[in-house]
Amino acid sequence: MKTRRLCVFPKDVQCITGKSERYGRRLLADIRVFLKKEPHQFITVYEFAAYCGLDVEDLFDYLD
């Protein structure tokens, strides 16, 4: 069984959206505020998908 990565990073957001890495950092920061997370906490693929309205399985396929 292949392990899946759970966390989303700014570089991933850049590749998914086609926007800059800075946009990725800003979007992840916005998601943290929305979810009431601390700055040091990670954003999961599930949280990112729910916030952006994307399918989780599509994201897992893309990140693998």
PDB file of N, CA and C in Angstrom:
ATOM      1  N   MET A   1       0.846  -1.184   0.000  1.00  0.00           N
ATOM      2  CA  MET A   1       0.000   0.000   0.000  1.00  0.00           C
ATOM      3  C   MET A   1       0.886   1.240   0.000  1.00  0.00           C
ATOM      4  N   LYS A   2       0.580   2.163  -0.859  1.00  0.00           N
ATOM      5  CA  LYS A   2       1.352   3.387  -0.959  1.00  0.00           C
ATOM      6  C   LYS A   2       0.873   4.390   0.094  1.00  0.00           C
ATOM      7  N   THR A   3       1.813   5.009   0.778  1.00  0.00           N
ATOM      8  CA  THR A   3       1.439   6.015   1.769  1.00  0.00           C
ATOM      9  C   THR A   3       1.116   7.328   1.068  1.00  0.00           C
ATOM     10  N   ARG A   4       0.189   8.048   1.655  1.00  0.00           N
ATOM     11  CA  ARG A   4      -0.228   9.323   1.086  1.00  0.00           C
ATOM     12  C   ARG A   4       0.211  10.454   2.002  1.00  0.00           C
ATOM     13  N   ARG A   5       0.576  11.533   1.396  1.00  0.00           N
ATOM     14  CA  ARG A   5       0.934  12.723   2.149  1.00  0.00           C
ATOM     15  C   ARG A   5      -0.343  13.425   2.572  1.00  0.00           C
ATOM     16  N   LEU A   6      -0.393  13.875   3.806  1.00  0.00           N
ATOM     17  CA  LEU A   6      -1.598  14.511   4.328  1.00  0.00           C
ATOM     18  C   LEU A   6      -1.549  16.036   4.310  1.00  0.00           C
ATOM     19  N   CYS A   7      -0.372  16.607   4.325  1.00  0.00           N
ATOM     20  CA  CYS A   7      -0.234  18.053   4.446  1.00  0.00           C
ATOM     21  C   CYS A   7      -0.080  18.720   3.086  1.00  0.00           C
ATOM     22  N   VAL A   8      -0.601  19.931   2.987  1.00  0.00           N
ATOM     23  CA  VAL A   8      -0.483  20.735   1.774  1.00  0.00           C
ATOM     24  C   VAL A   8       0.485  21.874   2.068  1.00  0.00           C
ATOM     25  N   PHE A   9       1.383  22.127   1.138  1.00  0.00           N
ATOM     26  CA  PHE A   9       2.379  23.170   1.281  1.00  0.00           C
ATOM     27  C   PHE A   9       2.206  24.218   0.181  1.00  0.00           C
ATOM     28  N   PRO A  10       2.779  25.409   0.350  1.00  0.00           N
ATOM     29  CA  PRO A  10       2.617  26.464  -0.651  1.00  0.00           C
ATOM     30  C   PRO A  10       3.021  26.039  -2.070  1.00  0.00           C
ATOM     31  N   LYS A  11       4.048  25.235  -2.193  1.00  0.00           N
ATOM     32  CA  LYS A  11       4.479  24.774  -3.511  1.00  0.00           C
ATOM     33  C   LYS A  11       3.392  23.907  -4.162  1.00  0.00           C
ATOM     34  N   ASP A  12       2.680  23.122  -3.349  1.00  0.00           N
ATOM     35  CA  ASP A  12       1.570  22.320  -3.863  1.00  0.00           C
ATOM     36  C   ASP A  12       0.455  23.220  -4.383  1.00  0.00           C
ATOM     37  N   VAL A  13       0.127  24.257  -3.612  1.00  0.00           N
ATOM     38  CA  VAL A  13      -0.914  25.200  -4.027  1.00  0.00           C
ATOM     39  C   VAL A  13      -0.505  25.871  -5.334  1.00  0.00           C
ATOM     40  N   GLN A  14       0.765  26.202  -5.461  1.00  0.00           N
ATOM     41  CA  GLN A  14       1.263  26.819  -6.681  1.00  0.00           C
ATOM     42  C   GLN A  14       1.048  25.892  -7.880  1.00  0.00           C
ATOM     43  N   CYS A  15       1.372  24.623  -7.718  1.00  0.00           N
ATOM     44  CA  CYS A  15       1.212  23.668  -8.816  1.00  0.00           C
ATOM     45  C   CYS A  15      -0.259  23.407  -9.128  1.00  0.00           C
ATOM     46  N   ILE A  16      -1.094  23.359  -8.105  1.00  0.00           N
ATOM     47  CA  ILE A  16      -2.516  23.070  -8.298  1.00  0.00           C
ATOM     48  C   ILE A  16      -3.227  24.239  -8.974  1.00  0.00           C
ATOM     49  N   THR A  17      -2.944  25.453  -8.527  1.00  0.00           N
ATOM     50  CA  THR A  17      -3.679  26.623  -9.022  1.00  0.00           C
ATOM     51  C   THR A  17      -3.012  27.324 -10.187  1.00  0.00           C
ATOM     52  N   GLY A  18      -1.709  27.121 -10.335  1.00  0.00           N
ATOM     53  CA  GLY A  18      -0.989  27.838 -11.388  1.00  0.00           C
ATOM     54  C   GLY A  18      -0.645  29.263 -11.001  1.00  0.00           C
ATOM     55  N   LYS A  19      -0.819  29.589  -9.741  1.00  0.00           N
ATOM     56  CA  LYS A  19      -0.479  30.930  -9.259  1.00  0.00           C
ATOM     57  C   LYS A  19       0.863  30.885  -8.540  1.00  0.00           C
ATOM     58  N   SER A  20       1.270  31.996  -7.969  1.00  0.00           N
ATOM     59  CA  SER A  20       2.588  32.091  -7.354  1.00  0.00           C
ATOM     60  C   SER A  20       2.649  31.357  -6.016  1.00  0.00           C
ATOM     61  N   GLU A  21       3.880  31.102  -5.571  1.00  0.00           N
ATOM     62  CA  GLU A  21       4.072  30.469  -4.267  1.00  0.00           C
ATOM     63  C   GLU A  21       3.617  31.405  -3.149  1.00  0.00           C
ATOM     64  N   ARG A  22       3.785  32.691  -3.356  1.00  0.00           N
ATOM     65  CA  ARG A  22       3.318  33.670  -2.369  1.00  0.00           C
ATOM     66  C   ARG A  22       1.801  33.576  -2.208  1.00  0.00           C
ATOM     67  N   TYR A  23       1.086  33.393  -3.311  1.00  0.00           N
ATOM     68  CA  TYR A  23      -0.361  33.192  -3.250  1.00  0.00           C
ATOM     69  C   TYR A  23      -0.672  31.939  -2.424  1.00  0.00           C
ATOM     70  N   GLY A  24       0.129  30.893  -2.600  1.00  0.00           N
ATOM     71  CA  GLY A  24      -0.059  29.656  -1.852  1.00  0.00           C
ATOM     72  C   GLY A  24       0.106  29.874  -0.358  1.00  0.00           C
ATOM     73  N   ARG A  25       1.122  30.650   0.019  1.00  0.00           N
ATOM     74  CA  ARG A  25       1.325  30.953   1.442  1.00  0.00           C
ATOM     75  C   ARG A  25       0.145  31.743   2.001  1.00  0.00           C
ATOM     76  N   ARG A  26      -0.330  32.710   1.223  1.00  0.00           N
ATOM     77  CA  ARG A  26      -1.452  33.533   1.655  1.00  0.00           C
ATOM     78  C   ARG A  26      -2.743  32.708   1.785  1.00  0.00           C
ATOM     79  N   LEU A  27      -2.965  31.829   0.817  1.00  0.00           N
ATOM     80  CA  LEU A  27      -4.166  30.992   0.868  1.00  0.00           C
ATOM     81  C   LEU A  27      -4.136  30.051   2.069  1.00  0.00           C
ATOM     82  N   LEU A  28      -2.998  29.448   2.329  1.00  0.00           N
ATOM     83  CA  LEU A  28      -2.886  28.564   3.492  1.00  0.00           C
ATOM     84  C   LEU A  28      -3.065  29.343   4.787  1.00  0.00           C
ATOM     85  N   ALA A  29      -2.564  30.568   4.835  1.00  0.00           N
ATOM     86  CA  ALA A  29      -2.765  31.414   6.016  1.00  0.00           C
ATOM     87  C   ALA A  29      -4.250  31.749   6.193  1.00  0.00           C
ATOM     88  N   ASP A  30      -4.943  32.023   5.098  1.00  0.00           N
ATOM     89  CA  ASP A  30      -6.382  32.299   5.158  1.00  0.00           C
ATOM     90  C   ASP A  30      -7.146  31.077   5.662  1.00  0.00           C
ATOM     91  N   ILE A  31      -6.744  29.900   5.205  1.00  0.00           N
ATOM     92  CA  ILE A  31      -7.397  28.664   5.649  1.00  0.00           C
ATOM     93  C   ILE A  31      -7.162  28.460   7.143  1.00  0.00           C
ATOM     94  N   ARG A  32      -5.952  28.752   7.619  1.00  0.00           N
ATOM     95  CA  ARG A  32      -5.663  28.621   9.057  1.00  0.00           C
ATOM     96  C   ARG A  32      -6.558  29.540   9.878  1.00  0.00           C
ATOM     97  N   VAL A  33      -6.743  30.773   9.421  1.00  0.00           N
ATOM     98  CA  VAL A  33      -7.615  31.720  10.130  1.00  0.00           C
ATOM     99  C   VAL A  33      -9.050  31.202  10.122  1.00  0.00           C
ATOM    100  N   PHE A  34      -9.504  30.738   8.956  1.00  0.00           N
ATOM    101  CA  PHE A  34     -10.863  30.235   8.819  1.00  0.00           C
ATOM    102  C   PHE A  34     -11.122  29.045   9.746  1.00  0.00           C
ATOM    103  N   LEU A  35     -10.124  28.164   9.865  1.00  0.00           N
ATOM    104  CA  LEU A  35     -10.258  26.961  10.692  1.00  0.00           C
ATOM    105  C   LEU A  35      -9.824  27.180  12.147  1.00  0.00           C
ATOM    106  N   LYS A  36      -9.434  28.417  12.461  1.00  0.00           N
ATOM    107  CA  LYS A  36      -8.979  28.773  13.815  1.00  0.00           C
ATOM    108  C   LYS A  36      -7.804  27.913  14.262  1.00  0.00           C
ATOM    109  N   LYS A  37      -6.826  27.776  13.361  1.00  0.00           N
ATOM    110  CA  LYS A  37      -5.618  27.017  13.676  1.00  0.00           C
ATOM    111  C   LYS A  37      -4.496  27.990  14.023  1.00  0.00           C
ATOM    112  N   GLU A  38      -3.529  27.489  14.740  1.00  0.00           N
ATOM    113  CA  GLU A  38      -2.339  28.269  15.069  1.00  0.00           C
ATOM    114  C   GLU A  38      -1.421  28.327  13.837  1.00  0.00           C
ATOM    115  N   PRO A  39      -0.548  29.335  13.773  1.00  0.00           N
ATOM    116  CA  PRO A  39       0.343  29.457  12.613  1.00  0.00           C
ATOM    117  C   PRO A  39       1.273  28.263  12.384  1.00  0.00           C
ATOM    118  N   HIS A  40       1.598  27.523  13.441  1.00  0.00           N
ATOM    119  CA  HIS A  40       2.520  26.395  13.287  1.00  0.00           C
ATOM    120  C   HIS A  40       1.813  25.109  12.860  1.00  0.00           C
ATOM    121  N   GLN A  41       0.488  25.109  12.837  1.00  0.00           N
ATOM    122  CA  GLN A  41      -0.255  23.895  12.498  1.00  0.00           C
ATOM    123  C   GLN A  41      -0.380  23.731  10.988  1.00  0.00           C
ATOM    124  N   PHE A  42      -0.386  22.470  10.553  1.00  0.00           N
ATOM    125  CA  PHE A  42      -0.466  22.154   9.136  1.00  0.00           C
ATOM    126  C   PHE A  42      -1.907  22.176   8.639  1.00  0.00           C
ATOM    127  N   ILE A  43      -2.054  22.341   7.325  1.00  0.00           N
ATOM    128  CA  ILE A  43      -3.336  22.229   6.645  1.00  0.00           C
ATOM    129  C   ILE A  43      -3.345  20.879   5.940  1.00  0.00           C
ATOM    130  N   THR A  44      -4.387  20.083   6.183  1.00  0.00           N
ATOM    131  CA  THR A  44      -4.459  18.768   5.557  1.00  0.00           C
ATOM    132  C   THR A  44      -5.073  18.868   4.163  1.00  0.00           C
ATOM    133  N   VAL A  45      -4.902  17.810   3.412  1.00  0.00           N
ATOM    134  CA  VAL A  45      -5.484  17.739   2.074  1.00  0.00           C
ATOM    135  C   VAL A  45      -7.003  17.839   2.179  1.00  0.00           C
ATOM    136  N   TYR A  46      -7.576  17.203   3.197  1.00  0.00           N
ATOM    137  CA  TYR A  46      -9.029  17.236   3.380  1.00  0.00           C
ATOM    138  C   TYR A  46      -9.531  18.655   3.662  1.00  0.00           C
ATOM    139  N   GLU A  47      -8.820  19.380   4.520  1.00  0.00           N
ATOM    140  CA  GLU A  47      -9.204  20.757   4.839  1.00  0.00           C
ATOM    141  C   GLU A  47      -9.055  21.659   3.619  1.00  0.00           C
ATOM    142  N   PHE A  48      -7.961  21.479   2.885  1.00  0.00           N
ATOM    143  CA  PHE A  48      -7.732  22.280   1.684  1.00  0.00           C
ATOM    144  C   PHE A  48      -8.816  22.018   0.647  1.00  0.00           C
ATOM    145  N   ALA A  49      -9.149  20.751   0.442  1.00  0.00           N
ATOM    146  CA  ALA A  49     -10.174  20.392  -0.537  1.00  0.00           C
ATOM    147  C   ALA A  49     -11.529  20.977  -0.157  1.00  0.00           C
ATOM    148  N   ALA A  50     -11.885  20.878   1.117  1.00  0.00           N
ATOM    149  CA  ALA A  50     -13.173  21.405   1.574  1.00  0.00           C
ATOM    150  C   ALA A  50     -13.235  22.921   1.397  1.00  0.00           C
ATOM    151  N   TYR A  51     -12.156  23.616   1.741  1.00  0.00           N
ATOM    152  CA  TYR A  51     -12.127  25.074   1.653  1.00  0.00           C
ATOM    153  C   TYR A  51     -12.201  25.542   0.200  1.00  0.00           C
ATOM    154  N   CYS A  52     -11.504  24.841  -0.682  1.00  0.00           N
ATOM    155  CA  CYS A  52     -11.418  25.256  -2.091  1.00  0.00           C
ATOM    156  C   CYS A  52     -12.493  24.623  -2.970  1.00  0.00           C
ATOM    157  N   GLY A  53     -13.271  23.692  -2.417  1.00  0.00           N
ATOM    158  CA  GLY A  53     -14.326  23.068  -3.190  1.00  0.00           C
ATOM    159  C   GLY A  53     -13.813  22.064  -4.203  1.00  0.00           C
ATOM    160  N   LEU A  54     -12.727  21.383  -3.868  1.00  0.00           N
ATOM    161  CA  LEU A  54     -12.128  20.397  -4.761  1.00  0.00           C
ATOM    162  C   LEU A  54     -12.389  18.990  -4.246  1.00  0.00           C
ATOM    163  N   ASP A  55     -12.272  18.011  -5.136  1.00  0.00           N
ATOM    164  CA  ASP A  55     -12.445  16.616  -4.760  1.00  0.00           C
ATOM    165  C   ASP A  55     -11.155  16.097  -4.126  1.00  0.00           C
ATOM    166  N   VAL A  56     -11.278  15.456  -2.981  1.00  0.00           N
ATOM    167  CA  VAL A  56     -10.111  14.972  -2.237  1.00  0.00           C
ATOM    168  C   VAL A  56      -9.329  13.942  -3.056  1.00  0.00           C
ATOM    169  N   GLU A  57     -10.025  13.043  -3.707  1.00  0.00           N
ATOM    170  CA  GLU A  57      -9.339  12.003  -4.483  1.00  0.00           C
ATOM    171  C   GLU A  57      -8.547  12.601  -5.642  1.00  0.00           C
ATOM    172  N   ASP A  58      -9.081  13.643  -6.266  1.00  0.00           N
ATOM    173  CA  ASP A  58      -8.339  14.323  -7.333  1.00  0.00           C
ATOM    174  C   ASP A  58      -7.056  14.935  -6.788  1.00  0.00           C
ATOM    175  N   LEU A  59      -7.140  15.514  -5.594  1.00  0.00           N
ATOM    176  CA  LEU A  59      -5.941  16.094  -4.977  1.00  0.00           C
ATOM    177  C   LEU A  59      -4.915  15.021  -4.638  1.00  0.00           C
ATOM    178  N   PHE A  60      -5.367  13.900  -4.086  1.00  0.00           N
ATOM    179  CA  PHE A  60      -4.443  12.822  -3.767  1.00  0.00           C
ATOM    180  C   PHE A  60      -3.769  12.301  -5.038  1.00  0.00           C
ATOM    181  N   ASP A  61      -4.536  12.165  -6.120  1.00  0.00           N
ATOM    182  CA  ASP A  61      -3.953  11.730  -7.386  1.00  0.00           C
ATOM    183  C   ASP A  61      -2.909  12.717  -7.879  1.00  0.00           C
ATOM    184  N   TYR A  62      -3.206  13.994  -7.707  1.00  0.00           N
ATOM    185  CA  TYR A  62      -2.293  15.037  -8.169  1.00  0.00           C
ATOM    186  C   TYR A  62      -1.018  15.090  -7.323  1.00  0.00           C
ATOM    187  N   LEU A  63      -1.166  14.915  -6.013  1.00  0.00           N
ATOM    188  CA  LEU A  63      -0.020  15.017  -5.118  1.00  0.00           C
ATOM    189  C   LEU A  63       0.876  13.767  -5.146  1.00  0.00           C
ATOM    190  N   ASP A  64       0.338  12.643  -5.591  1.00  0.00           N
ATOM    191  CA  ASP A  64       1.129  11.400  -5.636  1.00  0.00           C
ATOM    192  C   ASP A  64       2.038  11.378  -6.799  1.00  0.00           C
TER     193      ASP A  64
END
